[in-house]
Amino acid sequence: MVTKTKVASLFFQSTGAAKSTPGWGPNTSATFSQVVFVNESVRFEPWSYPGWKQLIATHQNATTFMTGKRLKSFGRPSFFKYTVLFSYNNGAATANWVGSGELFSLPSISSLITLSAPSTDPLAQARAAEKFVSKYYQKTRSLRTLSSVAEMSETIRGVLSPAKSLRKAVGDLNQTLRGNMYRSFRRGARDLRNVVAGTWLEWVYGVKPLVNDVDGAMEGLNRLRNGDFRDSVPLSASDQHETNQVITPNMGVGHSSPLNVNFGTVDVERFDRTQVTFKGAVVVTRPGGEIPPGMQFGVGLEDILPAVWEAVPWSFFIDYFINVSNVIDAFSILDGNFAWVQRTVRNSRIIRVSDVRPTPDSTGGSSFSRYSASGGGCEVGFTEVTRSRVDWRDFSPPLRIKFPEFGTKWANIAALSQMLKNPFDVGTIYRVRLPRRR
């Protein structure tokens, strides 16, 4: 390994002055400076792989190891200014302070700059690996035939039932409302919710998947007809995770000796972020350089276990909260014909200081104080990047609990909950079966 290092430094400075009635405060001025030092470095393998040009030409891995570290000060304005006035005995004596500069010049603030890269967040790596697996199937399959066959009966039932169910539901609802509108209002509203929920589920789990399967089949046939000449398929997936930790809220700031004045408060926060990116390529060559039909239409060995899981009742609902399908997909391609895979991890830490809030004034009596302070918001950050070739089997996503993001999945959950409130509808997810009228 070869390491190239240079010392990076950030310089911060502020000034202040005090003028007071003799005996009531200081009469002086001062300059305050702080320097933050960090060893920036790049560590890498000093050689190239033998025949790297040929490796790249044949879509194989020529990646070497590299780690880089960098310090930087962000572009937010960090300049602050303040004035402080103390008045004693109805103005018989006063003490005045004025100052300006950069907040990181204050020892109380600069002491919080403990810049180092955070450790790699396992959640970011797990989600990036899940996306990489998903990209593998997206890029190499026009249609996942085995999974579609496993769901075919439910799909057909979902396509055939909506019109009939909707007509019956609307007719029943109309008769209910006409027969006794007031006493049956709650029952009619319940029936309407069932109609909406059932029709939504039929669309999401019946019609829409079938349309996508038809589109995928046509795409696959067009590729076979026109020729999809690639000896490898590139893959790329990335994810990141951020944490926000307030280190010190309402921290007092001021100039130390010889001025000895506090003029306000700030909040100091630390933000850590991990970004993980997987890049690679999977070999799909057959004679003539086309993607094999078995892979194109998802009927290979890599598709068996995912299809079995798709056929399990309620598997889609389990996948909302536990990444079972991601783990099964990843296990199915552990021995996939990857040409190369590389991982890039970017860990960064930012120290952020808020604008200064002036100390509250004192009121009443013969003596008082007045404070004015503004500006000062600033940031400083440190980033570490590591890139290396990896064995995909070492980074397969683990089983984890998750929660759906706000959107379609929660609409599906709401519709399922509505349908399952009626005992007649348990197990009939794709049909709307309203209760018989009494």
Protein backbone atom coordinates (compact mmCIF):
# COMPACT_ATOMS: atom_id res chain seq x y z
CA MET A 1 0.00 0.00 0.00
CA VAL A 2 1.05 3.58 -0.65
CA THR A 3 -0.22 6.46 1.47
CA LYS A 4 -0.03 10.08 0.40
CA THR A 5 -0.69 12.51 3.24
CA LYS A 6 -0.97 16.24 3.63
CA VAL A 7 -1.96 18.31 6.62
CA ALA A 8 -5.18 20.22 6.04
CA SER A 9 -5.93 23.18 8.25
CA LEU A 10 -8.84 25.53 8.78
CA PHE A 11 -8.09 28.94 10.33
CA PHE A 12 -10.68 30.86 12.36
CA GLN A 13 -10.30 34.28 13.95
CA SER A 14 -12.35 36.86 15.87
CA THR A 15 -11.66 40.15 17.63
CA GLY A 16 -13.22 42.02 20.51
CA ALA A 17 -12.81 45.20 22.51
CA ALA A 18 -14.10 46.53 25.83
CA LYS A 19 -14.44 50.08 27.12
CA SER A 20 -15.63 50.65 30.65
CA THR A 21 -15.84 53.18 33.42
CA PRO A 22 -12.70 52.67 35.55
CA GLY A 23 -13.35 50.05 38.14
CA TRP A 24 -16.50 48.74 36.46
CA GLY A 25 -15.02 46.55 33.70
CA PRO A 26 -12.07 45.92 31.36
CA ASN A 27 -10.54 48.43 28.98
CA THR A 28 -8.75 46.32 26.43
CA SER A 29 -8.90 44.58 23.06
CA ALA A 30 -7.90 41.08 21.95
CA THR A 31 -7.68 38.74 18.99
CA PHE A 32 -8.70 35.08 19.30
CA SER A 33 -7.54 32.42 16.84
CA GLN A 34 -8.07 28.69 16.44
CA VAL A 35 -6.62 26.29 13.88
CA VAL A 36 -8.11 22.88 13.15
CA PHE A 37 -5.60 20.35 11.79
CA VAL A 38 -6.52 17.10 10.05
CA ASN A 39 -4.28 14.72 8.14
CA GLU A 40 -5.84 14.36 4.71
CA SER A 41 -4.68 11.20 3.01
CA VAL A 42 -5.13 8.88 0.07
CA ARG A 43 -4.20 5.25 0.59
CA PHE A 44 -4.14 2.99 -2.44
CA GLU A 45 -2.56 -0.01 -4.08
CA PRO A 46 0.37 1.26 -6.16
CA TRP A 47 -0.02 -1.24 -8.94
CA SER A 48 -2.53 -2.08 -11.65
CA TYR A 49 -3.82 -5.57 -12.24
CA PRO A 50 -1.90 -7.38 -14.98
CA GLY A 51 -3.78 -7.05 -18.24
CA TRP A 52 -6.17 -4.45 -16.83
CA LYS A 53 -7.02 -3.14 -20.30
CA GLN A 54 -8.14 -6.60 -21.38
CA LEU A 55 -10.09 -7.03 -18.13
CA ILE A 56 -12.00 -3.81 -18.72
CA ALA A 57 -12.61 -4.67 -22.38
CA THR A 58 -14.19 -7.96 -21.32
CA HIS A 59 -16.22 -6.33 -18.51
CA GLN A 60 -14.17 -7.91 -15.74
CA ASN A 61 -12.95 -6.42 -12.48
CA ALA A 62 -9.83 -4.26 -12.59
CA THR A 63 -10.66 -2.36 -9.39
CA THR A 64 -7.87 -1.71 -6.88
CA PHE A 65 -8.17 -0.65 -3.26
CA MET A 66 -8.38 3.05 -2.36
CA THR A 67 -9.22 5.07 0.76
CA GLY A 68 -9.35 8.85 0.82
CA LYS A 69 -9.92 11.35 3.66
CA ARG A 70 -10.80 15.02 3.25
CA LEU A 71 -11.53 17.99 5.51
CA LYS A 72 -13.59 20.93 4.33
CA SER A 73 -15.30 24.05 5.62
CA PHE A 74 -18.72 24.64 4.11
CA GLY A 75 -19.94 27.78 2.44
CA ARG A 76 -22.37 28.95 5.11
CA PRO A 77 -21.43 32.40 6.46
CA SER A 78 -19.76 32.02 9.84
CA PHE A 79 -19.25 35.72 10.60
CA PHE A 80 -20.86 36.95 13.81
CA LYS A 81 -20.99 40.25 15.66
CA TYR A 82 -22.16 41.39 19.06
CA THR A 83 -22.51 44.36 21.38
CA VAL A 84 -23.02 44.24 25.13
CA LEU A 85 -23.85 47.14 27.43
CA PHE A 86 -23.91 47.11 31.22
CA SER A 87 -25.27 50.22 32.94
CA TYR A 88 -24.92 50.79 36.67
CA ASN A 89 -26.54 53.29 39.07
CA ASN A 90 -28.77 54.94 36.49
CA GLY A 91 -25.94 55.34 34.01
CA ALA A 92 -23.31 56.60 36.42
CA ALA A 93 -21.03 53.78 35.27
CA THR A 94 -21.03 51.63 32.13
CA ALA A 95 -19.18 48.75 30.52
CA ASN A 96 -19.31 48.20 26.75
CA TRP A 97 -18.13 45.25 24.68
CA VAL A 98 -18.09 44.88 20.89
CA GLY A 99 -16.75 42.03 18.85
CA SER A 100 -16.94 40.13 15.57
CA GLY A 101 -15.41 37.19 13.74
CA GLU A 102 -15.97 33.47 13.22
CA LEU A 103 -17.60 31.30 15.84
CA PHE A 104 -15.10 28.46 15.46
CA SER A 105 -12.47 30.87 16.81
CA LEU A 106 -14.06 30.59 20.26
CA PRO A 107 -12.39 27.89 22.38
CA SER A 108 -15.77 26.63 23.64
CA ILE A 109 -16.85 25.93 20.05
CA SER A 110 -13.60 24.72 18.50
CA SER A 111 -13.19 22.17 21.32
CA LEU A 112 -16.28 20.38 19.94
CA ILE A 113 -14.65 19.73 16.56
CA THR A 114 -13.68 16.09 16.93
CA LEU A 115 -13.51 15.29 13.25
CA SER A 116 -13.26 11.66 12.30
CA ALA A 117 -15.26 9.45 9.99
CA PRO A 118 -18.20 7.59 11.54
CA SER A 119 -18.32 3.83 11.23
CA THR A 120 -20.17 2.35 8.29
CA ASP A 121 -23.89 2.22 9.01
CA PRO A 122 -25.09 -1.40 8.52
CA LEU A 123 -28.59 -0.24 7.50
CA ALA A 124 -27.25 1.75 4.53
CA GLN A 125 -25.20 -1.25 3.40
CA ALA A 126 -28.14 -3.65 3.80
CA ARG A 127 -30.50 -1.46 1.78
CA ALA A 128 -27.90 -0.89 -0.94
CA ALA A 129 -27.40 -4.67 -1.19
CA GLU A 130 -31.18 -5.18 -1.47
CA LYS A 131 -31.34 -2.64 -4.31
CA PHE A 132 -28.39 -4.35 -6.02
CA VAL A 133 -30.24 -7.68 -5.96
CA SER A 134 -33.37 -6.00 -7.30
CA LYS A 135 -31.35 -4.43 -10.13
CA TYR A 136 -29.92 -7.86 -10.95
CA TYR A 137 -33.38 -9.25 -11.64
CA GLN A 138 -34.63 -6.07 -13.35
CA LYS A 139 -31.72 -5.91 -15.77
CA THR A 140 -31.60 -9.62 -16.63
CA ARG A 141 -35.32 -10.43 -16.73
CA SER A 142 -38.05 -9.03 -18.91
CA LEU A 143 -40.55 -11.30 -17.14
CA ARG A 144 -40.30 -13.43 -13.98
CA THR A 145 -42.39 -16.23 -15.40
CA LEU A 146 -42.22 -18.64 -12.45
CA SER A 147 -43.39 -15.96 -10.01
CA SER A 148 -46.19 -14.98 -12.39
CA VAL A 149 -47.33 -18.61 -12.69
CA ALA A 150 -47.33 -18.92 -8.88
CA GLU A 151 -49.75 -15.99 -8.67
CA MET A 152 -51.72 -16.74 -11.84
CA SER A 153 -54.90 -18.05 -10.20
CA GLU A 154 -55.26 -15.00 -7.98
CA THR A 155 -54.43 -12.69 -10.89
CA ILE A 156 -57.12 -14.21 -13.13
CA ARG A 157 -59.66 -14.08 -10.33
CA GLY A 158 -58.78 -10.45 -9.69
CA VAL A 159 -59.28 -9.58 -13.35
CA LEU A 160 -62.59 -11.36 -13.76
CA SER A 161 -64.30 -10.34 -10.53
CA PRO A 162 -64.20 -6.51 -10.32
CA ALA A 163 -67.03 -5.67 -12.70
CA LYS A 164 -69.37 -8.28 -11.27
CA SER A 165 -68.52 -7.41 -7.68
CA LEU A 166 -68.81 -3.69 -8.26
CA ARG A 167 -72.20 -4.02 -9.98
CA LYS A 168 -73.55 -6.18 -7.18
CA ALA A 169 -72.14 -3.89 -4.49
CA VAL A 170 -73.57 -0.74 -6.02
CA GLY A 171 -76.97 -2.41 -6.45
CA ASP A 172 -77.02 -3.64 -2.86
CA LEU A 173 -75.92 -0.27 -1.59
CA ASN A 174 -78.63 1.51 -3.60
CA GLN A 175 -81.33 -0.82 -2.27
CA THR A 176 -80.06 -0.38 1.29
CA LEU A 177 -80.16 3.39 1.10
CA ARG A 178 -83.56 3.46 -0.60
CA GLY A 179 -85.08 0.94 1.80
CA ASN A 180 -84.25 2.71 5.05
CA MET A 181 -81.80 5.51 4.63
CA TYR A 182 -81.43 6.59 8.23
CA ARG A 183 -81.27 3.24 10.03
CA SER A 184 -79.04 1.71 7.36
CA PHE A 185 -76.65 4.61 6.87
CA ARG A 186 -73.82 3.01 8.86
CA ARG A 187 -74.34 -0.28 7.08
CA GLY A 188 -74.37 1.44 3.71
CA ALA A 189 -71.15 3.31 4.53
CA ARG A 190 -69.56 0.03 5.55
CA ASP A 191 -70.60 -1.59 2.29
CA LEU A 192 -69.19 1.35 0.34
CA ARG A 193 -65.85 1.05 2.15
CA ASN A 194 -65.78 -2.64 1.28
CA VAL A 195 -66.42 -1.83 -2.39
CA VAL A 196 -63.60 0.71 -2.50
CA ALA A 197 -61.17 -1.53 -0.60
CA GLY A 198 -61.91 -4.62 -2.66
CA THR A 199 -61.68 -2.80 -6.00
CA TRP A 200 -58.38 -1.21 -4.96
CA LEU A 201 -56.91 -4.60 -4.00
CA GLU A 202 -58.09 -6.16 -7.26
CA TRP A 203 -56.31 -3.41 -9.18
CA VAL A 204 -53.07 -3.55 -7.15
CA TYR A 205 -52.76 -7.35 -6.93
CA GLY A 206 -54.66 -8.45 -10.01
CA VAL A 207 -54.98 -6.09 -12.95
CA LYS A 208 -51.78 -4.10 -12.57
CA PRO A 209 -49.44 -7.15 -12.19
CA LEU A 210 -51.07 -8.79 -15.20
CA VAL A 211 -50.53 -5.69 -17.34
CA ASN A 212 -46.89 -5.56 -16.21
CA ASP A 213 -46.42 -9.25 -17.04
CA VAL A 214 -47.85 -8.74 -20.53
CA ASP A 215 -45.55 -5.75 -21.09
CA GLY A 216 -42.57 -7.76 -19.83
CA ALA A 217 -43.39 -10.70 -22.10
CA MET A 218 -43.63 -8.42 -25.13
CA GLU A 219 -40.33 -6.77 -24.23
CA GLY A 220 -38.66 -10.16 -23.91
CA LEU A 221 -40.03 -11.34 -27.26
CA ASN A 222 -38.85 -8.14 -28.94
CA ARG A 223 -35.38 -8.59 -27.48
CA LEU A 224 -35.21 -12.17 -28.73
CA ARG A 225 -36.46 -11.10 -32.15
CA ASN A 226 -34.17 -8.10 -32.50
CA GLY A 227 -31.21 -9.55 -30.63
CA ASP A 228 -29.97 -8.28 -27.27
CA PHE A 229 -26.25 -8.61 -27.87
CA ARG A 230 -24.46 -8.10 -24.57
CA ASP A 231 -21.81 -10.25 -22.95
CA SER A 232 -22.47 -8.60 -19.58
CA VAL A 233 -25.10 -6.41 -17.94
CA PRO A 234 -23.95 -3.48 -15.75
CA LEU A 235 -25.49 -3.13 -12.30
CA SER A 236 -25.43 -0.23 -9.86
CA ALA A 237 -27.30 0.49 -6.62
CA SER A 238 -26.81 2.97 -3.81
CA ASP A 239 -28.39 3.88 -0.49
CA GLN A 240 -27.59 6.16 2.40
CA HIS A 241 -28.58 6.61 6.01
CA GLU A 242 -28.33 9.78 8.07
CA THR A 243 -28.43 10.38 11.81
CA ASN A 244 -28.91 13.69 13.57
CA GLN A 245 -27.61 14.13 17.09
CA VAL A 246 -27.79 17.37 19.08
CA ILE A 247 -24.51 17.54 20.97
CA THR A 248 -25.03 20.72 23.00
CA PRO A 249 -28.23 22.78 22.92
CA ASN A 250 -28.29 26.34 24.28
CA MET A 251 -24.54 26.48 24.75
CA GLY A 252 -23.22 29.80 26.06
CA VAL A 253 -20.65 31.57 23.87
CA GLY A 254 -18.40 34.49 24.57
CA HIS A 255 -14.89 35.86 24.53
CA SER A 256 -12.58 34.63 27.25
CA SER A 257 -9.88 36.55 29.11
CA PRO A 258 -9.06 39.41 28.92
CA LEU A 259 -12.57 40.39 27.73
CA ASN A 260 -14.51 37.87 29.84
CA VAL A 261 -17.94 38.40 28.30
CA ASN A 262 -20.73 36.01 27.31
CA PHE A 263 -23.07 37.42 24.67
CA GLY A 264 -25.41 34.60 23.60
CA THR A 265 -26.16 30.93 23.06
CA VAL A 266 -25.95 28.49 20.12
CA ASP A 267 -26.94 24.92 19.30
CA VAL A 268 -24.21 22.56 18.16
CA GLU A 269 -25.26 19.50 16.12
CA ARG A 270 -23.45 16.54 14.64
CA PHE A 271 -24.69 14.89 11.45
CA ASP A 272 -23.34 11.48 10.41
CA ARG A 273 -24.06 9.95 7.04
CA THR A 274 -23.11 6.68 5.38
CA GLN A 275 -23.55 6.16 1.66
CA VAL A 276 -22.89 2.70 0.22
CA THR A 277 -22.74 2.02 -3.52
CA PHE A 278 -22.42 -1.36 -5.18
CA LYS A 279 -21.40 -1.53 -8.81
CA GLY A 280 -20.80 -4.60 -10.90
CA ALA A 281 -21.63 -6.62 -13.97
CA VAL A 282 -23.16 -10.04 -14.51
CA VAL A 283 -22.06 -12.23 -17.42
CA VAL A 284 -24.99 -13.28 -19.61
CA THR A 285 -23.13 -14.50 -22.70
CA ARG A 286 -24.33 -17.37 -24.80
CA PRO A 287 -23.27 -18.17 -28.38
CA GLY A 288 -24.06 -15.07 -30.37
CA GLY A 289 -23.81 -12.82 -27.32
CA GLU A 290 -27.51 -12.65 -26.42
CA ILE A 291 -29.17 -12.94 -23.02
CA PRO A 292 -30.36 -16.57 -22.78
CA PRO A 293 -34.15 -16.99 -23.08
CA GLY A 294 -34.26 -18.82 -19.73
CA MET A 295 -32.79 -15.77 -18.00
CA GLN A 296 -34.78 -13.33 -20.13
CA PHE A 297 -38.09 -14.91 -19.11
CA GLY A 298 -37.17 -15.85 -15.53
CA VAL A 299 -37.38 -19.64 -15.73
CA GLY A 300 -33.89 -20.53 -14.49
CA LEU A 301 -32.64 -22.05 -11.25
CA GLU A 302 -32.28 -18.56 -9.80
CA ASP A 303 -36.04 -18.06 -10.10
CA ILE A 304 -37.31 -21.19 -8.31
CA LEU A 305 -37.03 -20.13 -4.65
CA PRO A 306 -38.43 -16.62 -5.30
CA ALA A 307 -41.40 -18.21 -7.09
CA VAL A 308 -42.04 -20.57 -4.17
CA TRP A 309 -42.09 -17.62 -1.77
CA GLU A 310 -44.44 -15.69 -4.06
CA ALA A 311 -46.85 -18.62 -3.91
CA VAL A 312 -47.01 -18.53 -0.09
CA PRO A 313 -50.28 -16.88 1.07
CA TRP A 314 -49.79 -13.39 2.47
CA SER A 315 -46.11 -13.37 1.51
CA PHE A 316 -46.53 -9.91 0.01
CA PHE A 317 -47.78 -8.61 3.38
CA ILE A 318 -44.88 -10.18 5.27
CA ASP A 319 -42.48 -8.49 2.84
CA TYR A 320 -43.87 -5.13 3.90
CA PHE A 321 -42.33 -5.61 7.36
CA ILE A 322 -39.57 -8.22 6.92
CA ASN A 323 -37.33 -8.36 3.85
CA VAL A 324 -37.85 -12.08 3.25
CA SER A 325 -38.09 -11.78 -0.55
CA ASN A 326 -34.86 -9.74 -0.69
CA VAL A 327 -33.00 -12.40 1.30
CA ILE A 328 -34.39 -15.21 -0.86
CA ASP A 329 -33.51 -13.36 -4.06
CA ALA A 330 -29.97 -12.72 -2.77
CA PHE A 331 -29.54 -16.36 -1.72
CA SER A 332 -30.67 -17.49 -5.16
CA ILE A 333 -27.90 -15.52 -6.89
CA LEU A 334 -25.03 -16.20 -4.46
CA ASP A 335 -23.37 -18.24 -7.18
CA GLY A 336 -24.44 -15.86 -9.94
CA ASN A 337 -22.00 -15.35 -12.79
CA PHE A 338 -20.77 -11.92 -11.70
CA ALA A 339 -17.97 -10.50 -13.79
CA TRP A 340 -17.01 -8.10 -11.01
CA VAL A 341 -18.44 -6.26 -8.02
CA GLN A 342 -17.03 -3.24 -6.25
CA ARG A 343 -18.20 -1.41 -3.13
CA THR A 344 -17.77 2.27 -2.36
CA VAL A 345 -18.42 3.51 1.17
CA ARG A 346 -18.60 7.24 1.82
CA ASN A 347 -18.73 8.11 5.53
CA SER A 348 -19.07 11.77 6.44
CA ARG A 349 -19.46 13.79 9.63
CA ILE A 350 -20.59 17.41 9.81
CA ILE A 351 -20.41 19.69 12.84
CA ARG A 352 -23.03 22.42 12.48
CA VAL A 353 -23.33 25.51 14.68
CA SER A 354 -26.50 27.61 14.66
CA ASP A 355 -26.72 31.39 14.51
CA VAL A 356 -26.11 33.18 17.78
CA ARG A 357 -29.10 33.99 19.94
CA PRO A 358 -28.38 37.03 22.16
CA THR A 359 -28.58 36.71 25.92
CA PRO A 360 -31.89 38.14 27.19
CA ASP A 361 -31.72 41.71 28.46
CA SER A 362 -32.20 42.49 32.12
CA THR A 363 -34.94 44.98 32.96
CA GLY A 364 -35.90 47.18 35.88
CA GLY A 365 -33.92 48.84 38.64
CA SER A 366 -31.09 51.32 38.44
CA SER A 367 -28.82 48.86 36.64
CA PHE A 368 -29.53 46.90 33.47
CA SER A 369 -27.88 45.03 30.59
CA ARG A 370 -28.51 45.06 26.86
CA TYR A 371 -27.36 42.38 24.42
CA SER A 372 -27.25 42.28 20.63
CA ALA A 373 -25.79 39.36 18.64
CA SER A 374 -26.35 37.91 15.17
CA GLY A 375 -24.85 35.61 12.56
CA GLY A 376 -22.30 32.92 13.23
CA GLY A 377 -23.95 29.87 11.67
CA CYS A 378 -21.17 27.64 10.34
CA GLU A 379 -20.29 24.09 9.39
CA VAL A 380 -17.17 22.00 9.12
CA GLY A 381 -17.05 18.44 7.84
CA PHE A 382 -14.87 15.40 7.31
CA THR A 383 -15.37 12.68 4.70
CA GLU A 384 -13.74 9.28 4.25
CA VAL A 385 -14.23 7.29 1.05
CA THR A 386 -13.24 3.64 0.64
CA ARG A 387 -13.52 1.75 -2.64
CA SER A 388 -12.50 -1.86 -3.21
CA ARG A 389 -13.36 -4.99 -5.13
CA VAL A 390 -15.53 -7.38 -3.13
CA ASP A 391 -16.97 -10.86 -3.24
CA TRP A 392 -20.73 -10.41 -3.51
CA ARG A 393 -21.35 -13.36 -1.21
CA ASP A 394 -19.79 -11.41 1.67
CA PHE A 395 -22.34 -8.59 1.37
CA SER A 396 -25.62 -10.39 0.77
CA PRO A 397 -28.43 -8.50 2.60
CA PRO A 398 -29.34 -9.88 6.04
CA LEU A 399 -32.86 -10.49 7.32
CA ARG A 400 -34.19 -7.32 8.95
CA ILE A 401 -37.39 -5.72 10.18
CA LYS A 402 -38.57 -2.68 8.24
CA PHE A 403 -41.58 -0.40 7.98
CA PRO A 404 -43.20 0.70 4.72
CA GLU A 405 -42.66 4.28 3.68
CA PHE A 406 -45.73 6.46 3.38
CA GLY A 407 -47.49 5.75 0.09
CA THR A 408 -49.12 2.89 -1.80
CA LYS A 409 -48.18 0.16 0.66
CA TRP A 410 -50.03 1.85 3.49
CA ALA A 411 -53.05 2.25 1.20
CA ASN A 412 -52.87 -1.51 0.59
CA ILE A 413 -52.69 -2.17 4.33
CA ALA A 414 -55.69 0.07 4.94
CA ALA A 415 -57.70 -1.73 2.25
CA LEU A 416 -56.75 -5.13 3.66
CA SER A 417 -57.77 -4.02 7.15
CA GLN A 418 -61.15 -2.88 5.85
CA MET A 419 -61.78 -6.18 4.07
CA LEU A 420 -60.75 -8.27 7.08
CA LYS A 421 -63.20 -6.49 9.37
CA ASN A 422 -65.86 -8.61 7.67
CA PRO A 423 -65.49 -12.30 8.56
CA PHE A 424 -67.03 -13.25 5.20
CA ASP A 425 -64.01 -11.72 3.44
CA VAL A 426 -61.18 -13.42 5.32
CA GLY A 427 -58.99 -15.19 2.78
CA THR A 428 -60.73 -13.59 -0.21
CA ILE A 429 -58.39 -10.73 -0.83
CA TYR A 430 -59.21 -10.30 -4.51
CA ARG A 431 -62.98 -10.47 -4.20
CA VAL A 432 -65.55 -8.10 -2.75
CA ARG A 433 -68.21 -10.17 -0.97
CA LEU A 434 -70.75 -7.99 0.73
CA PRO A 435 -72.82 -9.53 3.55
CA ARG A 436 -76.31 -10.70 2.69
CA ARG A 437 -79.12 -8.34 3.43
CA ARG A 438 -81.25 -9.11 6.44
